[in-house]
Amino acid sequence: MTRGYLFASLLLKISRRLDLAEAHSVRDHVLVENRHQPHTIHVRTYIEERYKLNVYWKQDYRELFDLEADPGEINNLWNDPQSQDLKATLTRRLLDAELGIEPVPMPRVTPA
């Protein structure tokens, strides 16, 4: 098991212990940035309780793992024909998570 998976698993377990009044503010995912140089992000990782998606900067190679069935992250499901719907769903969730980082812009005051 990787440290990233263990950390994400711990965060998700902690979030479940919060009472329901606080649950609306707790994410069901972890978003990780790996930088090999101070100003360049080389890997974005999106982790949910069961799945992990790695997207590499300027690379065609991607990784998708089922952490429940494959905790050692050996079987990359990215190109698996049966995992294409899952891949699309997790890619969309990664994009939504990335867009959610930015502050909400000011409301439009004039029409476009």
Protein backbone atom coordinates (compact mmCIF):
# COMPACT_ATOMS: atom_id res chain seq x y z
CA MET A 1 0.00 0.00 0.00
CA THR A 2 1.28 3.45 -0.84
CA ARG A 3 1.57 6.28 1.66
CA GLY A 4 -0.82 8.37 -0.45
CA TYR A 5 -3.50 5.69 -0.24
CA LEU A 6 -3.01 5.29 3.51
CA PHE A 7 -3.25 9.06 4.01
CA ALA A 8 -6.37 9.36 1.87
CA SER A 9 -7.92 6.39 3.63
CA LEU A 10 -7.22 8.00 7.01
CA LEU A 11 -8.78 11.31 5.93
CA LEU A 12 -11.89 9.57 4.68
CA LYS A 13 -12.24 7.59 7.92
CA ILE A 14 -11.89 10.77 9.98
CA SER A 15 -14.50 12.54 7.86
CA ARG A 16 -17.01 9.74 8.51
CA ARG A 17 -16.68 10.25 12.26
CA LEU A 18 -17.86 13.84 12.09
CA ASP A 19 -21.47 14.37 13.00
CA LEU A 20 -23.92 14.87 10.16
CA ALA A 21 -24.20 18.60 10.77
CA GLU A 22 -20.55 18.98 9.76
CA ALA A 23 -20.60 16.38 7.00
CA HIS A 24 -21.68 18.83 4.29
CA SER A 25 -18.33 20.61 4.51
CA VAL A 26 -16.16 17.47 4.28
CA ARG A 27 -14.96 16.32 0.89
CA ASP A 28 -15.28 12.71 -0.21
CA HIS A 29 -11.96 12.87 -2.06
CA VAL A 30 -8.36 13.93 -1.75
CA LEU A 31 -6.59 15.94 -4.44
CA VAL A 32 -2.78 15.66 -4.54
CA GLU A 33 -0.23 17.70 -6.52
CA ASN A 34 3.25 16.26 -7.00
CA ARG A 35 5.93 18.72 -8.05
CA HIS A 36 9.39 17.67 -9.18
CA GLN A 37 10.32 21.32 -9.61
CA PRO A 38 9.04 24.19 -7.45
CA HIS A 39 6.79 25.74 -10.10
CA THR A 40 5.83 22.74 -12.24
CA ILE A 41 3.11 20.25 -11.31
CA HIS A 42 3.96 16.91 -12.83
CA VAL A 43 1.20 14.70 -11.43
CA ARG A 44 -2.35 15.34 -10.28
CA THR A 45 -3.87 12.56 -8.24
CA TYR A 46 -7.55 12.22 -7.37
CA ILE A 47 -8.33 9.69 -4.63
CA GLU A 48 -11.70 8.50 -3.41
CA GLU A 49 -12.38 5.75 -0.92
CA ARG A 50 -12.15 3.07 -3.60
CA TYR A 51 -10.40 4.59 -6.64
CA LYS A 52 -7.23 6.49 -7.45
CA LEU A 53 -6.58 8.40 -10.69
CA ASN A 54 -3.13 9.75 -11.67
CA VAL A 55 -2.80 12.26 -14.51
CA TYR A 56 0.72 13.14 -15.64
CA TRP A 57 1.63 16.53 -17.16
CA LYS A 58 2.36 16.40 -20.91
CA GLN A 59 2.21 12.60 -20.92
CA ASP A 60 -0.19 10.22 -22.61
CA TYR A 61 0.28 7.78 -19.74
CA ARG A 62 -2.42 7.76 -17.03
CA GLU A 63 -3.22 5.45 -14.14
CA LEU A 64 -6.50 4.28 -12.66
CA PHE A 65 -6.55 1.88 -9.73
CA ASP A 66 -9.28 0.11 -7.78
CA LEU A 67 -7.80 0.43 -4.29
CA GLU A 68 -10.25 -2.08 -2.84
CA ALA A 69 -9.52 -4.87 -5.33
CA ASP A 70 -5.88 -3.86 -5.92
CA PRO A 71 -4.43 -2.13 -2.81
CA GLY A 72 -0.89 -2.58 -4.16
CA GLU A 73 -1.79 -0.55 -7.27
CA ILE A 74 -0.50 -3.21 -9.68
CA ASN A 75 -3.37 -3.44 -12.19
CA ASN A 76 -3.73 -0.17 -14.11
CA LEU A 77 -7.34 0.04 -15.36
CA TRP A 78 -6.84 3.13 -17.56
CA ASN A 79 -6.94 1.20 -20.85
CA ASP A 80 -9.29 -1.54 -19.64
CA PRO A 81 -12.36 -1.54 -21.94
CA GLN A 82 -14.66 -2.40 -19.02
CA SER A 83 -13.41 0.60 -17.02
CA GLN A 84 -14.08 3.34 -19.58
CA ASP A 85 -17.23 4.67 -17.86
CA LEU A 86 -15.39 4.71 -14.55
CA LYS A 87 -12.44 6.49 -16.18
CA ALA A 88 -14.75 9.16 -17.59
CA THR A 89 -16.52 9.63 -14.26
CA LEU A 90 -13.29 9.98 -12.27
CA THR A 91 -11.74 12.29 -14.86
CA ARG A 92 -14.80 14.53 -14.57
CA ARG A 93 -14.58 14.45 -10.78
CA LEU A 94 -10.89 15.39 -10.96
CA LEU A 95 -11.76 18.33 -13.21
CA ASP A 96 -14.59 19.41 -10.90
CA ALA A 97 -12.25 19.16 -7.89
CA GLU A 98 -9.63 21.27 -9.67
CA LEU A 99 -12.17 23.91 -10.65
CA GLY A 100 -13.51 23.91 -7.09
CA ILE A 101 -10.16 25.10 -5.77
CA GLU A 102 -10.51 28.52 -7.36
CA PRO A 103 -12.60 31.14 -5.59
CA VAL A 104 -16.02 31.81 -7.03
CA PRO A 105 -15.85 34.88 -9.29
CA MET A 106 -17.78 38.01 -8.59
CA PRO A 107 -21.31 38.04 -10.01
CA ARG A 108 -21.71 39.58 -13.43
CA VAL A 109 -22.89 43.20 -13.18
CA THR A 110 -23.56 43.79 -16.87
CA PRO A 111 -24.73 41.46 -19.62
CA ALA A 112 -22.17 40.04 -22.02
